[in-house]
């Protein structure tokens, strides 16, 4: 599965912007996560998730149909099916798998050949400002919760193969660094 790369980082760090920018370098195929969370306005099945019931998700867990899964801070389940990974692997495009650090821990155990790239914030304060800019009405409680989750995330930086800091105002540089990591790994000779 060497055409699949994990891109991961805490909320507000800019992984979606990085992933969108990578389309200027490669044909991208996103690994689509299944979730039990309700669909929001502007979303549809397969964009940005496969929306399924909790009962259906639990059935997939029981039948070992998930490559990785987790119950998130919002109590909804998120996971990627083995079938979805096969679909992306067979697409011949660059597969981008966006997951949080708990999923990365599982994925790295099961698929050691998949390279993981951590998109890091320049600082917690800048990350807090980005979250507020994105959602000006966010409550102090929500911001505090996101900051605590980010601190927990940062304790797990060592699980990633690469770390790229998304500096404020330098998104294009961040995208280029991530594209170079992908390029280097695509061209690496197998052992």
Foldseek 3Di string as FASTA:
>chain_A
DLLEAEEEEAPQLCSVVLLVVCVVVWPEDEQAKEKQDDDDPPADCVVRHNHDHPVVVVVCVVVVQFLDKDQDPVRMIITGGPVSVVVRVVVPTRYYYYDAPVRLVSNCVVPVSHAYEYEYEPDLVVSLVSVCVVPVPDDPVNSVVSSVVNVVRVVRPVSHPYYAYCYPPPSVVSSVVVSVVSVCSVPDDDD
